[in-house]
Amino acid sequence: MPVALSGRVPVKVANSSDEIHSGDLITSSSEEGKAMKATTAGKVIGVALEDWLPNTGKETVMVYVSNFYYSPA
């Protein structure tokens, strides 16, 4: 099983995620092994480097890994 600690990494996205656009924050989802767009305060795994739309068949999004706590204003 590949593991990435930093850099650009393709990440599987949960179908339940909101639309993701380049620059959006990405966090873990309730689906094991998948991520989603961060919409509330909490830990994030990184920043999306490309767009992703639900139900298009695309399963991954390229993410720049940068682990931190997101706290919207």
N, C-alpha and C. Protein backbone atom coordinates (compact mmCIF):
# COMPACT_ATOMS: atom_id res chain seq x y z
N MET A 1 0.84 -1.17 0.00
CA MET A 1 0.00 0.00 0.00
C MET A 1 0.90 1.24 0.00
N PRO A 2 0.80 2.09 -1.03
CA PRO A 2 1.61 3.30 -1.07
C PRO A 2 1.18 4.33 -0.02
N VAL A 3 2.15 5.00 0.56
CA VAL A 3 1.89 6.03 1.55
C VAL A 3 2.68 7.28 1.17
N ALA A 4 2.04 8.44 1.25
CA ALA A 4 2.74 9.69 0.93
C ALA A 4 2.72 10.60 2.15
N LEU A 5 3.83 11.22 2.44
CA LEU A 5 3.93 12.13 3.57
C LEU A 5 3.98 13.58 3.13
N SER A 6 4.38 13.81 1.88
CA SER A 6 4.42 15.17 1.36
C SER A 6 4.43 15.14 -0.15
N GLY A 7 4.18 16.29 -0.75
CA GLY A 7 4.20 16.40 -2.20
C GLY A 7 2.84 16.29 -2.85
N ARG A 8 2.85 16.06 -4.16
CA ARG A 8 1.62 15.94 -4.94
C ARG A 8 1.21 14.48 -5.00
N VAL A 9 -0.05 14.20 -4.61
CA VAL A 9 -0.52 12.83 -4.50
C VAL A 9 -1.93 12.72 -5.06
N PRO A 10 -2.21 11.69 -5.88
CA PRO A 10 -3.58 11.46 -6.31
C PRO A 10 -4.38 10.87 -5.13
N VAL A 11 -5.53 11.44 -4.84
CA VAL A 11 -6.35 11.03 -3.70
C VAL A 11 -7.73 10.62 -4.20
N LYS A 12 -8.23 9.47 -3.73
CA LYS A 12 -9.57 9.03 -4.08
C LYS A 12 -10.59 9.95 -3.41
N VAL A 13 -11.67 10.27 -4.14
CA VAL A 13 -12.68 11.20 -3.63
C VAL A 13 -14.01 10.47 -3.45
N ALA A 14 -14.67 10.71 -2.33
CA ALA A 14 -15.99 10.14 -2.05
C ALA A 14 -17.03 10.79 -2.96
N ASN A 15 -17.95 10.00 -3.49
CA ASN A 15 -19.02 10.54 -4.35
C ASN A 15 -19.91 11.51 -3.60
N SER A 16 -19.94 11.44 -2.28
CA SER A 16 -20.78 12.33 -1.49
C SER A 16 -20.16 13.72 -1.31
N SER A 17 -18.94 13.92 -1.80
CA SER A 17 -18.25 15.20 -1.65
C SER A 17 -18.91 16.29 -2.49
N ASP A 18 -18.80 17.53 -2.01
CA ASP A 18 -19.19 18.68 -2.83
C ASP A 18 -18.20 18.80 -3.98
N GLU A 19 -18.53 19.63 -4.98
CA GLU A 19 -17.60 19.90 -6.08
C GLU A 19 -16.29 20.39 -5.50
N ILE A 20 -15.20 19.95 -6.10
CA ILE A 20 -13.87 20.39 -5.67
C ILE A 20 -13.26 21.20 -6.78
N HIS A 21 -12.71 22.35 -6.43
CA HIS A 21 -12.02 23.21 -7.38
C HIS A 21 -10.58 23.40 -6.93
N SER A 22 -9.72 23.68 -7.86
CA SER A 22 -8.32 23.91 -7.54
C SER A 22 -8.20 24.96 -6.43
N GLY A 23 -7.46 24.64 -5.39
CA GLY A 23 -7.30 25.55 -4.25
C GLY A 23 -8.18 25.21 -3.06
N ASP A 24 -9.20 24.34 -3.26
CA ASP A 24 -10.05 23.93 -2.14
C ASP A 24 -9.29 23.04 -1.18
N LEU A 25 -9.65 23.09 0.10
CA LEU A 25 -9.04 22.23 1.11
C LEU A 25 -9.71 20.87 1.09
N ILE A 26 -8.92 19.82 1.32
CA ILE A 26 -9.39 18.44 1.27
C ILE A 26 -9.22 17.80 2.64
N THR A 27 -10.25 17.05 3.07
CA THR A 27 -10.21 16.37 4.36
C THR A 27 -10.66 14.92 4.19
N SER A 28 -10.62 14.14 5.25
CA SER A 28 -11.07 12.75 5.18
C SER A 28 -12.60 12.72 5.14
N SER A 29 -13.14 11.64 4.58
CA SER A 29 -14.59 11.48 4.50
C SER A 29 -15.02 10.29 5.36
N SER A 30 -16.31 10.06 5.44
CA SER A 30 -16.82 8.91 6.19
C SER A 30 -16.62 7.61 5.41
N GLU A 31 -16.31 7.70 4.11
CA GLU A 31 -16.01 6.52 3.30
C GLU A 31 -14.53 6.17 3.47
N GLU A 32 -14.28 4.96 3.93
CA GLU A 32 -12.91 4.53 4.22
C GLU A 32 -12.00 4.67 3.00
N GLY A 33 -10.85 5.32 3.20
CA GLY A 33 -9.86 5.46 2.15
C GLY A 33 -10.15 6.54 1.13
N LYS A 34 -11.15 7.39 1.40
CA LYS A 34 -11.50 8.44 0.46
C LYS A 34 -11.55 9.80 1.15
N ALA A 35 -11.42 10.85 0.36
CA ALA A 35 -11.40 12.21 0.88
C ALA A 35 -12.60 13.00 0.34
N MET A 36 -12.75 14.23 0.84
CA MET A 36 -13.82 15.10 0.39
C MET A 36 -13.42 16.56 0.59
N LYS A 37 -14.19 17.47 0.02
CA LYS A 37 -13.93 18.90 0.20
C LYS A 37 -14.19 19.28 1.65
N ALA A 38 -13.28 20.03 2.26
CA ALA A 38 -13.45 20.50 3.63
C ALA A 38 -14.39 21.70 3.64
N THR A 39 -15.49 21.59 4.37
CA THR A 39 -16.48 22.68 4.43
C THR A 39 -16.68 23.21 5.83
N THR A 40 -16.11 22.53 6.83
CA THR A 40 -16.23 22.97 8.22
C THR A 40 -14.85 22.91 8.87
N ALA A 41 -14.74 23.44 10.06
CA ALA A 41 -13.48 23.42 10.79
C ALA A 41 -13.03 21.99 11.05
N GLY A 42 -11.72 21.76 10.98
CA GLY A 42 -11.19 20.43 11.27
C GLY A 42 -9.86 20.20 10.56
N LYS A 43 -9.31 19.00 10.73
CA LYS A 43 -8.05 18.64 10.10
C LYS A 43 -8.22 18.49 8.60
N VAL A 44 -7.27 18.99 7.85
CA VAL A 44 -7.25 18.81 6.39
C VAL A 44 -5.98 18.06 6.01
N ILE A 45 -6.05 17.36 4.87
CA ILE A 45 -4.87 16.62 4.41
C ILE A 45 -4.10 17.39 3.35
N GLY A 46 -4.74 18.40 2.76
CA GLY A 46 -4.02 19.17 1.75
C GLY A 46 -4.92 20.07 0.94
N VAL A 47 -4.36 20.54 -0.20
CA VAL A 47 -5.03 21.49 -1.08
C VAL A 47 -5.18 20.85 -2.47
N ALA A 48 -6.38 20.92 -3.03
CA ALA A 48 -6.63 20.36 -4.35
C ALA A 48 -5.85 21.14 -5.41
N LEU A 49 -5.27 20.40 -6.35
CA LEU A 49 -4.52 21.02 -7.43
C LEU A 49 -5.30 20.98 -8.75
N GLU A 50 -6.48 20.37 -8.73
CA GLU A 50 -7.31 20.28 -9.92
C GLU A 50 -8.78 20.20 -9.52
N ASP A 51 -9.66 20.37 -10.49
CA ASP A 51 -11.10 20.31 -10.24
C ASP A 51 -11.60 18.87 -10.25
N TRP A 52 -12.71 18.63 -9.55
CA TRP A 52 -13.38 17.33 -9.52
C TRP A 52 -14.87 17.58 -9.39
N LEU A 53 -15.67 16.88 -10.20
CA LEU A 53 -17.13 16.98 -10.14
C LEU A 53 -17.71 15.62 -9.82
N PRO A 54 -18.74 15.55 -8.95
CA PRO A 54 -19.35 14.27 -8.61
C PRO A 54 -20.03 13.64 -9.82
N ASN A 55 -20.12 12.33 -9.82
CA ASN A 55 -20.85 11.55 -10.83
C ASN A 55 -20.33 11.74 -12.25
N THR A 56 -19.02 11.98 -12.40
CA THR A 56 -18.44 12.10 -13.73
C THR A 56 -17.56 10.90 -14.07
N GLY A 57 -17.38 10.01 -13.11
CA GLY A 57 -16.54 8.84 -13.33
C GLY A 57 -15.10 9.05 -12.91
N LYS A 58 -14.71 10.28 -12.68
CA LYS A 58 -13.35 10.56 -12.22
C LYS A 58 -13.27 10.21 -10.74
N GLU A 59 -12.32 9.36 -10.36
CA GLU A 59 -12.25 8.86 -8.99
C GLU A 59 -11.23 9.57 -8.11
N THR A 60 -10.27 10.28 -8.72
CA THR A 60 -9.22 10.89 -7.92
C THR A 60 -9.05 12.37 -8.26
N VAL A 61 -8.39 13.06 -7.34
CA VAL A 61 -8.00 14.45 -7.55
C VAL A 61 -6.57 14.60 -7.05
N MET A 62 -5.77 15.36 -7.77
CA MET A 62 -4.38 15.58 -7.35
C MET A 62 -4.39 16.58 -6.18
N VAL A 63 -3.71 16.22 -5.10
CA VAL A 63 -3.69 17.03 -3.88
C VAL A 63 -2.25 17.29 -3.47
N TYR A 64 -1.96 18.53 -3.07
CA TYR A 64 -0.67 18.85 -2.46
C TYR A 64 -0.82 18.60 -0.97
N VAL A 65 -0.13 17.62 -0.44
CA VAL A 65 -0.27 17.23 0.96
C VAL A 65 0.31 18.30 1.87
N SER A 66 -0.53 18.78 2.77
CA SER A 66 -0.14 19.80 3.74
C SER A 66 -1.10 19.67 4.92
N ASN A 67 -0.72 18.90 5.91
CA ASN A 67 -1.58 18.56 7.03
C ASN A 67 -1.65 19.72 8.04
N PHE A 68 -2.86 20.25 8.28
CA PHE A 68 -3.04 21.32 9.27
C PHE A 68 -4.50 21.38 9.69
N TYR A 69 -4.80 22.23 10.66
CA TYR A 69 -6.16 22.40 11.16
C TYR A 69 -6.79 23.61 10.48
N TYR A 70 -7.95 23.42 9.85
CA TYR A 70 -8.68 24.48 9.15
C TYR A 70 -9.72 25.09 10.08
N SER A 71 -9.66 26.40 10.25
CA SER A 71 -10.62 27.10 11.08
C SER A 71 -11.16 28.32 10.32
N PRO A 72 -12.33 28.16 9.65
CA PRO A 72 -12.86 29.27 8.87
C PRO A 72 -13.22 30.48 9.75
N ALA A 73 -13.13 31.65 9.16
CA ALA A 73 -13.42 32.89 9.90
C ALA A 73 -14.88 33.02 10.25
